Amino acid sequence: MIVIEFYRPRSRSISPIILDFNGTTPPPVEDKEVAAFWDIGYSNNLNFEVLAALQYGNSGSNETVLSLGWANADTLHIDVNQRWYAQPVTSESQTSINWFNKMPTIMYEYVQKWSTGAIEQFETIQIWREASQHETALRIHYGPSERAYICYRVKHPQKGRVIVRFDNALNASPQIGKVKLRVSPYEKVCYWGLPGGPVRSDDDIPPIDSKIPIEPQIQRYYIMQPSISCNRLSDDLKILINNITCTWQRGQFAATGNIKFCSRIDMERAIGQQLKLVINGYEFVVICEQPSTSNRFSSNSYSASIRSRFAELAAPYQRERNYVNTVDKTLAGIMADILENTGWTLDNKMIDYPIPEGAFSYRGLTPAAALLKVASSIGAILDINDTTRTVSVVPEWPVNPWSTEQATPDVILNDALILEHNTRDSIQPEHNVVFVRGEQQGVACKIKRQGTPATDYARDIVDNLITDVQAARQRGTCELARSGNKRTATIRTKLKQDLPPIRPGMLLGVRFEDKLYKATVDSLAISASISNQGAIMVNQTIQAVRNV
C-alpha cells in the first residue's frame, strides 16, 4: 500500500507526482486480479490523506498513472471518472480525482456498468449536484390549531463513508448491471397532538363559534313559485314526472324514495339511468330502479323506486370485496382506500388517528357498505353530495344533546314557515359512562360524561377500529348521546331560496310557541307533486331529536 500525505493546499490543478510501475522490478509470473479502492477522509483541517491500493496484472507493459488534486474547504464535492482496460499486451490504469468546494447542498447519483469479452472495460460515473434554486413562501394561519402528527429525530444522523471494492474478476459471459446505494432515513418518533407545546385535552379547549345560522326572514306574505324538472344525466333527455318522494336518514349511505312517471315511455327511458332532479333550484342526482305498473279501467300508472347517486357504490353495481390493512394506516387513509378508483372524493370531518398494520379488515362488503361500517365504528355518519360526488364523514351528534343550549344552530326555523308540528316522546335509560375498547391491537378507555358521577354504565363497546384514545372518545361520546329520554319533533315546512334542504346531522333551531329549542336532525323527506291542473306542491319534512 502506498500512503501519500499532503499538508498544504494545492497550488496547481494537477499533482506533479507520477507513479510508474514499469521500472526495473520484474512483473509477477502469474496474472493477478485487478482491484482498486479508495478510502478518502476529509475534515476542516489542513491535512488531507488519500489512500490508494493498486494491484496490477502480468503483461508486457504495465503502467499506472495517478493524478490527484486537493484543496481545503468546508464542504467538498468529488467527481470520479475511472476507466481501465485489460489486454494480453498492455494494461493501463488511470485515475483522475478532482475536488471542488462551496457546495451547500449535495445529492448523489451512482451508475455502474460493466461487461466482459475480448476487451474488458469498467466505467464509474459519480455525479454530485446542488440545489441552486430555493423557494420561500410565507403563510399565516389563524384560528384554532388542528391536531397533527408531530415527529422528532431519535438520534441525529452522523457523517459516514462509503467504500466500493472490486475484489473479483468478471465471468467469461458478458454482463451488464447496476449497483445502487441506498441510504435509509433517520429514525423518528411521532405522536398525535396539538402543535405549540403542551396543551390539555379537547374538552378543556373552548370552541371558537363563528357560525352564522341560516334564518329565513319573517314576512307577512310568502310568495311561492315551485318548479320541478327531471332530465336523464347521460344525454340530458327530459323525463316527464308528476310525483316524487325522497328520504335521507342518519345511519344510511343512500337516500331512498319513489318516482311516478307521466307515461310508460318516460318510465322506460328512465329505468337503469341516473336522473338529475331540480326542485326549487336545488339539484339532486338519483338512480332509477325497480319499475312497477298499475293498470285500472281508464287509469294506468307507472312508477319506480329510486336511490341517491352514492348507491352506485353498492349492490348490484359493485361487487363485494375483502380488505385488510397490510401496512400502518390512519382512519382517513383506510376510507380513502375504500373510495380508491371510484370517482368519489373523501371529506373527513372526524379526528384522524393511526391504525396499526392488520388491525382492521372486512369481508363481503361493497364500498358503500364498507365506508358506512367505518363511519359507524367511530360514531359518525355519511353526508353525501351527489352533485359533486363528495362523501363527508361527520359526527352523528354534531353537538352533544346536553350542550345544545350554548351551541349555534345551522338553521333556525320560525313558526311562520312551519306548516305542521308533531312531537313524540320515547323513554329509555340514561347513561353517563361507557367502556370502549378495541381488539388485539386496540386500546381500552373509560369514557364518562363531564360533570357527572359516572355511575350509570352503558353496554361495553368493542370494535377493531378502536386503536387510539381519539377513536374511543368519539365512539363513547356518541353512545352516551344516544341514551336518555328523547323527544322527536316532526316538522313540515317549505323549500325556499332562503330555506335549503335541512339535512340529517344538522343542528336545527325551532322558534315555536314563543320558545326556541334546538334539536339534531335525524331524517329529511322531500316530496314534490304536480296535479292534473298543473299545480306544483313542494314540501320538506324533518324529524329532529332532542333530550327531555
Protein backbone atom coordinates (compact mmCIF):
# COMPACT_ATOMS: atom_id res chain seq x y z
CA MET A 1 0.00 0.00 0.00
CA ILE A 2 1.23 3.49 -0.87
CA VAL A 3 0.38 6.34 1.52
CA ILE A 4 0.55 9.86 0.12
CA GLU A 5 0.02 12.77 2.53
CA PHE A 6 -0.45 16.42 1.53
CA TYR A 7 -0.02 19.07 4.21
CA ARG A 8 -0.57 22.20 2.14
CA PRO A 9 -3.40 23.38 -0.14
CA ARG A 10 -2.90 22.79 -3.79
CA SER A 11 -1.24 25.47 -5.91
CA ARG A 12 -1.81 23.66 -9.19
CA SER A 13 -4.81 21.77 -10.51
CA ILE A 14 -2.73 18.60 -11.22
CA SER A 15 -0.29 16.97 -8.88
CA PRO A 16 3.26 16.64 -10.23
CA ILE A 17 3.67 13.19 -8.69
CA ILE A 18 3.51 10.29 -11.15
CA LEU A 19 3.80 6.70 -10.02
CA ASP A 20 5.30 4.36 -12.63
CA PHE A 21 5.42 0.62 -12.05
CA ASN A 22 7.21 -0.16 -15.34
CA GLY A 23 10.73 0.15 -13.91
CA THR A 24 13.39 -2.44 -13.27
CA THR A 25 11.22 -4.55 -10.98
CA PRO A 26 10.15 -7.65 -12.94
CA PRO A 27 6.38 -8.23 -13.26
CA PRO A 28 4.73 -11.16 -11.48
CA VAL A 29 4.85 -14.53 -13.10
CA GLU A 30 1.08 -15.15 -12.97
CA ASP A 31 -1.79 -12.78 -13.82
CA LYS A 32 -3.37 -11.10 -10.81
CA GLU A 33 -6.86 -9.72 -10.33
CA VAL A 34 -7.09 -6.02 -10.92
CA ALA A 35 -8.60 -4.29 -7.86
CA ALA A 36 -8.81 -0.68 -6.86
CA PHE A 37 -10.43 1.01 -3.94
CA TRP A 38 -10.26 4.45 -2.38
CA ASP A 39 -10.81 5.40 1.23
CA ILE A 40 -10.99 9.20 1.32
CA GLY A 41 -11.27 11.03 4.61
CA TYR A 42 -11.61 14.76 4.92
CA SER A 43 -12.24 17.36 7.59
CA ASN A 44 -11.95 21.10 8.10
CA ASN A 45 -8.25 20.78 8.92
CA LEU A 46 -5.41 21.47 6.55
CA ASN A 47 -4.39 17.81 6.43
CA PHE A 48 -5.86 15.50 3.81
CA GLU A 49 -4.93 11.88 3.46
CA VAL A 50 -5.57 9.83 0.35
CA LEU A 51 -5.01 6.08 0.47
CA ALA A 52 -4.69 4.24 -2.84
CA ALA A 53 -4.07 0.49 -3.06
CA LEU A 54 -3.36 -0.80 -6.54
CA GLN A 55 -2.71 -4.28 -7.84
CA TYR A 56 -1.65 -4.85 -11.39
CA GLY A 57 -1.53 -7.89 -13.65
CA ASN A 58 1.15 -9.59 -15.65
CA SER A 59 1.56 -8.03 -19.09
CA GLY A 60 4.23 -6.88 -21.44
CA SER A 61 3.86 -3.28 -20.36
CA ASN A 62 2.29 -2.18 -17.08
CA GLU A 63 1.83 1.48 -16.42
CA THR A 64 -0.18 3.18 -13.70
CA VAL A 65 -0.67 6.92 -13.64
CA LEU A 66 -2.14 8.53 -10.51
CA SER A 67 -3.22 12.16 -10.69
CA LEU A 68 -4.58 13.81 -7.56
CA GLY A 69 -5.92 17.29 -6.86
CA TRP A 70 -6.82 18.53 -3.41
CA ALA A 71 -7.99 21.66 -1.59
CA ASN A 72 -9.10 22.83 1.85
CA ALA A 73 -12.84 23.71 2.02
CA ASP A 74 -15.74 23.41 4.44
CA THR A 75 -17.81 21.31 2.04
CA LEU A 76 -16.25 19.05 -0.56
CA HIS A 77 -17.60 17.77 -3.86
CA ILE A 78 -15.97 14.92 -5.71
CA ASP A 79 -16.24 13.77 -9.31
CA VAL A 80 -14.60 10.46 -10.21
CA ASN A 81 -14.30 9.18 -13.77
CA GLN A 82 -12.43 5.88 -13.92
CA ARG A 83 -11.70 3.54 -16.80
CA TRP A 84 -9.27 0.72 -17.26
CA TYR A 85 -8.67 -1.84 -19.98
CA ALA A 86 -7.01 -5.25 -19.88
CA GLN A 87 -5.35 -6.76 -22.96
CA PRO A 88 -2.83 -9.53 -23.38
CA VAL A 89 -0.13 -6.96 -24.31
CA THR A 90 -0.90 -3.76 -22.47
CA SER A 91 -2.68 -2.99 -19.17
CA GLU A 92 -3.14 0.60 -18.22
CA SER A 93 -4.84 2.12 -15.18
CA GLN A 94 -5.55 5.82 -14.78
CA THR A 95 -7.41 7.63 -12.04
CA SER A 96 -8.41 11.28 -12.10
CA ILE A 97 -9.81 12.85 -8.93
CA ASN A 98 -10.97 16.45 -8.74
CA TRP A 99 -12.06 18.31 -5.62
CA PHE A 100 -14.44 21.27 -5.59
CA ASN A 101 -15.69 23.41 -2.74
CA LYS A 102 -18.60 25.58 -1.66
CA MET A 103 -21.42 23.14 -2.27
CA PRO A 104 -24.06 23.79 0.44
CA THR A 105 -26.48 21.03 -0.69
CA ILE A 106 -25.32 17.71 -2.18
CA MET A 107 -27.20 14.98 -3.99
CA TYR A 108 -25.52 11.74 -5.03
CA GLU A 109 -26.21 9.57 -8.06
CA TYR A 110 -24.33 6.37 -8.83
CA VAL A 111 -24.36 4.48 -12.15
CA GLN A 112 -22.19 1.41 -12.81
CA LYS A 113 -21.89 -0.71 -15.92
CA TRP A 114 -19.54 -3.50 -16.77
CA SER A 115 -19.04 -6.20 -19.42
CA THR A 116 -16.51 -8.85 -20.37
CA GLY A 117 -15.17 -10.08 -23.65
CA ALA A 118 -12.01 -9.71 -25.65
CA ILE A 119 -11.59 -6.29 -24.10
CA GLU A 120 -12.72 -5.71 -20.52
CA GLN A 121 -13.94 -2.24 -19.70
CA PHE A 122 -15.18 -0.73 -16.44
CA GLU A 123 -16.84 2.67 -16.07
CA THR A 124 -17.75 4.53 -12.92
CA ILE A 125 -19.67 7.77 -13.14
CA GLN A 126 -20.28 9.78 -9.99
CA ILE A 127 -22.22 12.99 -10.21
CA TRP A 128 -22.69 15.47 -7.36
CA ARG A 129 -25.23 18.21 -7.78
CA GLU A 130 -26.53 21.02 -5.67
CA ALA A 131 -29.94 22.70 -5.41
CA SER A 132 -29.33 26.15 -6.82
CA GLN A 133 -32.88 27.43 -6.57
CA HIS A 134 -34.70 27.95 -3.32
CA GLU A 135 -38.32 28.91 -2.84
CA THR A 136 -39.65 30.64 0.26
CA ALA A 137 -43.38 31.03 0.88
CA LEU A 138 -44.93 32.92 3.77
CA ARG A 139 -48.20 31.55 5.11
CA ILE A 140 -50.05 32.96 8.10
CA HIS A 141 -52.56 30.77 9.96
CA TYR A 142 -55.21 31.99 12.34
CA GLY A 143 -57.94 30.39 14.40
CA PRO A 144 -57.81 27.18 16.44
CA SER A 145 -54.98 24.74 15.80
CA GLU A 146 -55.72 21.34 14.33
CA ARG A 147 -54.20 18.13 15.57
CA ALA A 148 -51.40 16.61 13.53
CA TYR A 149 -48.53 14.13 13.74
CA ILE A 150 -45.52 15.75 15.46
CA CYS A 151 -42.26 13.94 14.68
CA TYR A 152 -38.73 14.39 16.04
CA ARG A 153 -35.42 12.62 15.49
CA VAL A 154 -34.38 9.96 17.96
CA LYS A 155 -30.68 10.33 17.10
CA HIS A 156 -29.14 12.99 14.93
CA PRO A 157 -27.60 11.40 11.82
CA GLN A 158 -23.79 11.37 11.80
CA LYS A 159 -21.49 11.59 8.84
CA GLY A 160 -20.07 8.34 7.49
CA ARG A 161 -18.28 6.96 4.48
CA VAL A 162 -18.91 4.66 1.53
CA ILE A 163 -16.25 2.22 0.29
CA VAL A 164 -16.65 0.45 -3.05
CA ARG A 165 -14.37 -2.53 -3.62
CA PHE A 166 -13.94 -4.71 -6.73
CA ASP A 167 -12.22 -7.86 -5.48
CA ASN A 168 -13.21 -10.46 -8.07
CA ALA A 169 -12.87 -10.65 -11.82
CA LEU A 170 -15.94 -10.81 -14.04
CA ASN A 171 -17.21 -14.06 -15.54
CA ALA A 172 -16.49 -15.00 -19.11
CA SER A 173 -20.02 -14.21 -20.32
CA PRO A 174 -20.94 -10.55 -20.96
CA GLN A 175 -22.84 -8.92 -18.11
CA ILE A 176 -24.47 -5.55 -17.77
CA GLY A 177 -25.87 -4.34 -14.47
CA LYS A 178 -26.16 -1.54 -11.96
CA VAL A 179 -25.10 -1.10 -8.36
CA LYS A 180 -27.45 1.02 -6.26
CA LEU A 181 -26.50 2.58 -2.94
CA ARG A 182 -29.48 3.30 -0.70
CA VAL A 183 -29.34 5.33 2.48
CA SER A 184 -32.15 4.56 4.95
CA PRO A 185 -33.92 7.54 6.56
CA TYR A 186 -33.11 8.54 10.09
CA GLU A 187 -35.20 7.10 12.90
CA LYS A 188 -38.15 9.22 14.04
CA VAL A 189 -40.74 9.11 16.80
CA CYS A 190 -44.20 10.58 16.06
CA TYR A 191 -47.15 11.31 18.31
CA TRP A 192 -50.64 12.73 17.71
CA GLY A 193 -51.20 16.10 19.32
CA LEU A 194 -51.53 19.83 19.00
CA PRO A 195 -48.52 21.91 17.93
CA GLY A 196 -47.17 24.73 20.05
CA GLY A 197 -46.24 22.95 23.27
CA PRO A 198 -48.20 21.05 25.92
CA VAL A 199 -51.97 21.51 25.55
CA ARG A 200 -54.68 19.88 27.62
CA SER A 201 -57.39 17.65 26.19
CA ASP A 202 -60.05 18.84 23.75
CA ASP A 203 -62.72 19.18 26.45
CA ASP A 204 -60.73 21.94 28.14
CA ILE A 205 -60.21 23.98 24.94
CA PRO A 206 -63.05 26.48 24.46
CA PRO A 207 -64.53 26.28 20.94
CA ILE A 208 -64.42 29.30 18.67
CA ASP A 209 -68.02 29.52 17.48
CA SER A 210 -68.14 31.80 14.44
CA LYS A 211 -71.00 30.01 12.66
CA ILE A 212 -73.81 32.17 11.29
CA PRO A 213 -77.11 30.26 11.19
CA ILE A 214 -79.48 30.28 8.22
CA GLU A 215 -82.69 32.00 9.31
CA PRO A 216 -85.40 32.93 6.77
CA GLN A 217 -86.83 36.39 7.14
CA ILE A 218 -90.24 36.68 8.75
CA GLN A 219 -92.72 38.14 6.28
CA ARG A 220 -96.41 38.91 6.24
CA TYR A 221 -96.88 37.08 2.92
CA TYR A 222 -94.78 34.34 1.28
CA ILE A 223 -94.97 34.07 -2.50
CA MET A 224 -94.14 30.54 -3.65
CA GLN A 225 -93.01 29.72 -7.19
CA PRO A 226 -92.18 26.00 -7.05
CA SER A 227 -90.56 24.27 -10.01
CA ILE A 228 -89.70 20.66 -10.86
CA SER A 229 -87.61 19.29 -13.72
CA CYS A 230 -86.23 15.83 -14.43
CA ASN A 231 -83.55 15.04 -17.03
CA ARG A 232 -81.53 11.97 -17.85
CA LEU A 233 -77.97 12.66 -16.75
CA SER A 234 -76.26 10.89 -19.65
CA ASP A 235 -77.79 12.85 -22.54
CA ASP A 236 -79.96 15.49 -20.79
CA LEU A 237 -83.15 13.92 -22.18
CA LYS A 238 -86.22 15.34 -20.48
CA ILE A 239 -88.34 12.89 -18.45
CA LEU A 240 -91.90 13.80 -17.53
CA ILE A 241 -92.91 13.02 -13.94
CA ASN A 242 -95.85 14.00 -11.76
CA ASN A 243 -94.76 12.87 -8.28
CA ILE A 244 -91.55 12.20 -6.37
CA THR A 245 -90.60 11.48 -2.74
CA CYS A 246 -87.08 11.01 -1.37
CA THR A 247 -85.92 10.37 2.22
CA TRP A 248 -82.48 10.78 3.83
CA GLN A 249 -81.77 9.23 7.25
CA ARG A 250 -78.84 9.03 9.61
CA GLY A 251 -77.20 5.63 9.51
CA GLN A 252 -77.85 5.10 5.78
CA PHE A 253 -75.38 5.55 2.94
CA ALA A 254 -78.02 6.43 0.30
CA ALA A 255 -81.40 8.12 0.19
CA THR A 256 -84.42 6.08 -0.87
CA GLY A 257 -87.71 7.08 -2.49
CA ASN A 258 -90.24 6.65 -5.25
CA ILE A 259 -90.90 8.42 -8.53
CA LYS A 260 -94.07 8.38 -10.64
CA PHE A 261 -93.94 8.97 -14.41
CA CYS A 262 -96.48 10.51 -16.74
CA SER A 263 -96.31 7.69 -19.30
CA ARG A 264 -94.85 4.26 -19.95
CA ILE A 265 -92.33 5.70 -22.42
CA ASP A 266 -90.95 8.02 -19.76
CA MET A 267 -90.54 5.09 -17.40
CA GLU A 268 -88.70 3.00 -20.00
CA ARG A 269 -86.35 5.90 -20.73
CA ALA A 270 -85.53 6.34 -17.04
CA ILE A 271 -85.10 2.74 -15.81
CA GLY A 272 -81.47 1.94 -15.03
CA GLN A 273 -80.37 5.53 -15.62
CA GLN A 274 -79.16 8.36 -13.42
CA LEU A 275 -81.63 11.24 -13.29
CA LYS A 276 -80.95 14.86 -12.40
CA LEU A 277 -83.82 16.37 -10.43
CA VAL A 278 -84.05 20.14 -9.91
CA ILE A 279 -86.60 21.02 -7.22
CA ASN A 280 -87.00 24.73 -6.48
CA GLY A 281 -83.45 25.32 -7.74
CA TYR A 282 -81.78 22.54 -5.68
CA GLU A 283 -80.18 19.69 -7.66
CA PHE A 284 -80.40 16.01 -6.72
CA VAL A 285 -78.99 13.02 -8.62
CA VAL A 286 -80.78 9.69 -8.21
CA ILE A 287 -80.65 6.22 -9.79
CA CYS A 288 -83.96 4.89 -11.15
CA GLU A 289 -84.52 1.21 -10.26
CA GLN A 290 -87.21 -1.48 -9.96
CA PRO A 291 -90.11 -0.31 -12.17
CA SER A 292 -93.73 -1.09 -11.33
CA THR A 293 -97.01 -0.62 -13.22
CA SER A 294 -100.66 -0.36 -12.16
CA ASN A 295 -103.44 -0.86 -14.73
CA ARG A 296 -107.04 0.04 -13.96
CA PHE A 297 -110.05 0.88 -16.04
CA SER A 298 -109.23 4.18 -17.76
CA SER A 299 -106.32 4.71 -15.30
CA ASN A 300 -102.73 3.47 -15.70
CA SER A 301 -99.78 4.47 -13.55
CA TYR A 302 -96.04 3.84 -13.97
CA SER A 303 -93.55 4.27 -11.15
CA ALA A 304 -90.15 3.12 -9.95
CA SER A 305 -88.01 3.13 -6.82
CA ILE A 306 -85.04 5.48 -6.61
CA ARG A 307 -81.83 5.76 -4.62
CA SER A 308 -79.36 8.59 -4.40
CA ARG A 309 -76.25 8.56 -6.57
CA PHE A 310 -73.99 7.07 -3.91
CA ALA A 311 -75.84 3.79 -4.44
CA GLU A 312 -73.63 3.24 -7.49
CA LEU A 313 -71.01 2.00 -5.00
CA ALA A 314 -73.45 -0.59 -3.62
CA ALA A 315 -75.01 -3.77 -4.97
CA PRO A 316 -75.79 -4.59 -7.72
CA TYR A 317 -73.45 -2.03 -9.32
CA GLN A 318 -70.39 -3.03 -7.27
CA ARG A 319 -69.26 -6.49 -6.27
CA GLU A 320 -68.49 -7.44 -2.68
CA ARG A 321 -64.87 -7.12 -1.62
CA ASN A 322 -62.48 -8.13 1.14
CA TYR A 323 -59.96 -5.80 2.75
CA VAL A 324 -57.21 -5.79 5.37
CA ASN A 325 -54.70 -3.01 6.03
CA THR A 326 -51.35 -4.64 5.32
CA VAL A 327 -49.41 -1.55 6.42
CA ASP A 328 -49.90 1.10 9.08
CA LYS A 329 -52.73 3.45 8.12
CA THR A 330 -54.80 6.27 9.52
CA LEU A 331 -58.59 6.47 9.65
CA ALA A 332 -58.66 8.80 6.64
CA GLY A 333 -56.22 6.52 4.82
CA ILE A 334 -58.48 3.48 5.20
CA MET A 335 -61.53 5.41 4.00
CA ALA A 336 -59.50 6.72 1.05
CA ASP A 337 -58.56 3.12 0.16
CA ILE A 338 -62.25 2.18 0.11
CA LEU A 339 -63.06 5.04 -2.29
CA GLU A 340 -60.00 4.46 -4.48
CA ASN A 341 -60.75 4.38 -8.23
CA THR A 342 -64.45 5.10 -7.66
CA GLY A 343 -64.52 8.75 -8.74
CA TRP A 344 -65.72 9.90 -5.31
CA THR A 345 -63.85 12.32 -3.03
CA LEU A 346 -63.49 11.97 0.74
CA ASP A 347 -64.05 14.89 3.13
CA ASN A 348 -63.25 13.67 6.64
CA LYS A 349 -64.60 15.84 9.47
CA MET A 350 -63.65 13.39 12.24
CA ILE A 351 -60.43 13.44 14.27
CA ASP A 352 -57.88 11.29 12.46
CA TYR A 353 -55.77 8.72 14.31
CA PRO A 354 -53.31 5.87 13.49
CA ILE A 355 -54.41 2.28 12.83
CA PRO A 356 -51.68 -0.40 13.14
CA GLU A 357 -50.99 -2.99 10.48
CA GLY A 358 -53.59 -5.75 10.33
CA ALA A 359 -55.91 -4.14 12.90
CA PHE A 360 -58.85 -3.57 10.52
CA SER A 361 -60.44 -5.89 8.00
CA TYR A 362 -63.81 -6.72 6.48
CA ARG A 363 -65.21 -9.41 4.22
CA GLY A 364 -68.02 -9.40 1.68
CA LEU A 365 -68.87 -5.68 1.67
CA THR A 366 -69.37 -3.24 -1.18
CA PRO A 367 -67.51 0.10 -0.99
CA ALA A 368 -70.65 1.92 0.19
CA ALA A 369 -71.34 -0.60 2.96
CA ALA A 370 -67.66 -0.70 3.99
CA LEU A 371 -67.45 3.09 4.29
CA LEU A 372 -70.64 3.13 6.39
CA LYS A 373 -69.14 0.44 8.64
CA VAL A 374 -66.00 2.52 9.23
CA ALA A 375 -68.04 5.65 9.95
CA SER A 376 -70.39 3.94 12.41
CA SER A 377 -67.41 2.40 14.26
CA ILE A 378 -66.30 5.86 15.41
CA GLY A 379 -69.77 7.40 15.91
CA ALA A 380 -70.04 9.14 12.54
CA ILE A 381 -72.50 9.28 9.63
CA LEU A 382 -72.14 9.89 5.90
CA ASP A 383 -73.24 13.19 4.41
CA ILE A 384 -73.35 12.69 0.63
CA ASN A 385 -73.23 15.41 -2.01
CA ASP A 386 -74.39 13.59 -5.13
CA THR A 387 -73.80 16.57 -7.43
CA THR A 388 -70.08 16.99 -6.64
CA ARG A 389 -69.59 13.29 -5.75
CA THR A 390 -68.19 14.13 -2.33
CA VAL A 391 -68.55 11.97 0.78
CA SER A 392 -68.33 13.87 4.08
CA VAL A 393 -67.80 11.89 7.28
CA VAL A 394 -69.39 13.96 10.07
CA PRO A 395 -70.27 13.23 13.73
CA GLU A 396 -73.64 11.62 14.35
CA TRP A 397 -74.19 14.23 17.07
CA PRO A 398 -72.51 17.49 15.98
CA VAL A 399 -73.36 18.90 19.40
CA ASN A 400 -73.97 16.69 22.41
CA PRO A 401 -77.66 16.77 23.42
CA TRP A 402 -76.78 18.10 26.87
CA SER A 403 -74.80 21.02 25.38
CA THR A 404 -77.22 22.36 22.76
CA GLU A 405 -78.25 25.39 24.81
CA GLN A 406 -74.86 27.06 24.29
CA ALA A 407 -74.44 25.97 20.65
CA THR A 408 -75.24 27.90 17.48
CA PRO A 409 -77.66 26.01 15.20
CA ASP A 410 -77.10 25.56 11.48
CA VAL A 411 -80.66 26.58 10.58
CA ILE A 412 -83.27 28.49 12.59
CA LEU A 413 -86.84 27.77 11.57
CA ASN A 414 -89.57 30.17 12.67
CA ASP A 415 -93.19 29.15 13.18
CA ALA A 416 -94.34 31.34 10.26
CA LEU A 417 -92.90 28.72 7.89
CA ILE A 418 -93.99 25.67 9.92
CA LEU A 419 -96.96 24.01 8.23
CA GLU A 420 -97.16 21.10 10.67
CA HIS A 421 -95.51 20.35 14.00
CA ASN A 422 -95.88 17.00 15.83
CA THR A 423 -93.94 15.55 18.77
CA ARG A 424 -93.42 12.07 20.17
CA ASP A 425 -91.55 11.07 23.36
CA SER A 426 -89.53 7.91 23.91
CA ILE A 427 -88.37 6.71 27.34
CA GLN A 428 -85.04 4.91 27.65
CA PRO A 429 -82.25 4.66 30.24
CA GLU A 430 -79.75 7.49 30.53
CA HIS A 431 -76.06 6.61 30.82
CA ASN A 432 -73.12 8.75 31.81
CA VAL A 433 -70.20 6.33 31.46
CA VAL A 434 -69.21 3.61 28.99
CA PHE A 435 -66.22 1.32 28.42
CA VAL A 436 -64.88 1.36 24.85
CA ARG A 437 -62.09 -0.95 23.74
CA GLY A 438 -60.53 -2.40 20.63
CA GLU A 439 -59.47 -5.94 19.85
CA GLN A 440 -55.98 -7.44 19.55
CA GLN A 441 -54.25 -4.15 18.71
CA GLY A 442 -56.72 -1.76 20.33
CA VAL A 443 -56.97 0.36 23.45
CA ALA A 444 -59.39 0.23 26.39
CA CYS A 445 -60.85 3.50 27.67
CA LYS A 446 -63.46 4.59 30.15
CA ILE A 447 -65.49 7.44 28.65
CA LYS A 448 -67.64 9.45 31.06
CA ARG A 449 -69.84 12.47 30.70
CA GLN A 450 -68.21 15.56 32.13
CA GLY A 451 -69.73 16.83 35.38
CA THR A 452 -71.47 13.53 36.27
CA PRO A 453 -70.62 10.95 38.95
CA ALA A 454 -70.17 8.25 36.25
CA THR A 455 -72.38 5.68 37.96
CA ASP A 456 -74.79 4.64 35.17
CA TYR A 457 -72.91 2.35 32.80
CA ALA A 458 -73.88 1.71 29.20
CA ARG A 459 -73.13 -1.57 27.48
CA ASP A 460 -69.49 -2.11 26.57
CA ILE A 461 -68.40 -1.25 23.04
CA VAL A 462 -65.90 -3.50 21.25
CA ASP A 463 -64.68 -2.63 17.75
CA ASN A 464 -61.47 -3.38 15.87
CA LEU A 465 -61.11 0.30 14.84
CA ILE A 466 -60.72 1.46 18.46
CA THR A 467 -56.93 1.66 18.21
CA ASP A 468 -56.42 5.11 19.70
CA VAL A 469 -57.74 7.26 22.52
CA GLN A 470 -59.33 9.63 19.99
CA ALA A 471 -61.29 6.75 18.45
CA ALA A 472 -62.58 5.65 21.86
CA ARG A 473 -63.50 9.19 22.80
CA GLN A 474 -65.53 9.80 19.63
CA ARG A 475 -67.36 6.46 19.79
CA GLY A 476 -68.02 6.72 23.54
CA THR A 477 -69.43 10.23 23.21
CA CYS A 478 -71.83 9.03 20.52
CA GLU A 479 -73.07 6.14 22.68
CA LEU A 480 -73.74 8.43 25.64
CA ALA A 481 -75.55 10.93 23.39
CA ARG A 482 -77.93 8.19 22.18
CA SER A 483 -79.09 7.40 25.72
CA GLY A 484 -81.73 9.21 27.76
CA ASN A 485 -85.30 10.27 27.17
CA LYS A 486 -85.80 11.74 23.71
CA ARG A 487 -88.43 13.89 22.07
CA THR A 488 -88.80 13.60 18.31
CA ALA A 489 -90.40 16.54 16.52
CA THR A 490 -91.82 16.04 13.02
CA ILE A 491 -91.92 19.36 11.18
CA ARG A 492 -93.31 20.02 7.71
CA THR A 493 -92.13 23.20 6.03
CA LYS A 494 -91.36 24.69 2.63
CA LEU A 495 -88.31 24.51 0.38
CA LYS A 496 -87.35 28.08 -0.49
CA GLN A 497 -84.40 30.03 -1.76
CA ASP A 498 -83.53 31.15 1.76
CA LEU A 499 -84.53 27.81 3.34
CA PRO A 500 -82.42 24.99 1.83
CA PRO A 501 -82.89 21.28 2.50
CA ILE A 502 -82.26 20.62 6.20
CA ARG A 503 -80.02 17.57 6.01
CA PRO A 504 -79.52 14.89 8.70
CA GLY A 505 -76.79 15.73 11.17
CA MET A 506 -77.56 19.47 11.23
CA LEU A 507 -78.39 21.26 14.46
CA LEU A 508 -81.83 22.79 13.99
CA GLY A 509 -83.24 25.70 15.98
CA VAL A 510 -87.05 25.94 16.08
CA ARG A 511 -88.94 29.03 17.16
CA PHE A 512 -92.31 27.58 18.18
CA GLU A 513 -94.88 28.93 20.65
CA ASP A 514 -92.62 31.80 21.72
CA LYS A 515 -89.79 29.45 22.59
CA LEU A 516 -86.58 28.43 20.89
CA TYR A 517 -85.41 24.85 21.23
CA LYS A 518 -82.55 23.09 19.46
CA ALA A 519 -82.51 19.54 18.18
CA THR A 520 -80.41 17.31 15.92
CA VAL A 521 -81.93 16.45 12.54
CA ASP A 522 -82.44 12.69 12.24
CA SER A 523 -84.12 12.45 8.82
CA LEU A 524 -85.26 14.57 5.88
CA ALA A 525 -88.03 13.81 3.36
CA ILE A 526 -88.68 15.95 0.27
CA SER A 527 -91.93 15.50 -1.63
CA ALA A 528 -92.97 17.19 -4.88
CA SER A 529 -96.11 16.64 -6.93
CA ILE A 530 -97.85 18.05 -9.99
CA SER A 531 -101.64 17.93 -10.12
CA ASN A 532 -103.73 17.32 -13.23
CA GLN A 533 -104.31 21.09 -13.45
CA GLY A 534 -100.53 21.75 -13.39
CA ALA A 535 -100.31 22.99 -9.78
CA ILE A 536 -96.91 22.17 -8.19
CA MET A 537 -96.56 21.43 -4.47
CA VAL A 538 -93.12 21.09 -2.80
CA ASN A 539 -92.58 20.35 0.91
CA GLN A 540 -89.82 19.09 3.16
CA THR A 541 -90.48 17.12 6.34
CA ILE A 542 -87.83 17.00 9.10
CA GLN A 543 -87.54 14.76 12.13
CA ALA A 544 -85.42 16.34 14.87
CA VAL A 545 -84.36 14.67 18.16
CA ARG A 546 -83.57 16.34 21.50
CA ASN A 547 -83.25 15.38 25.15
CA VAL A 548 -86.12 15.96 27.57
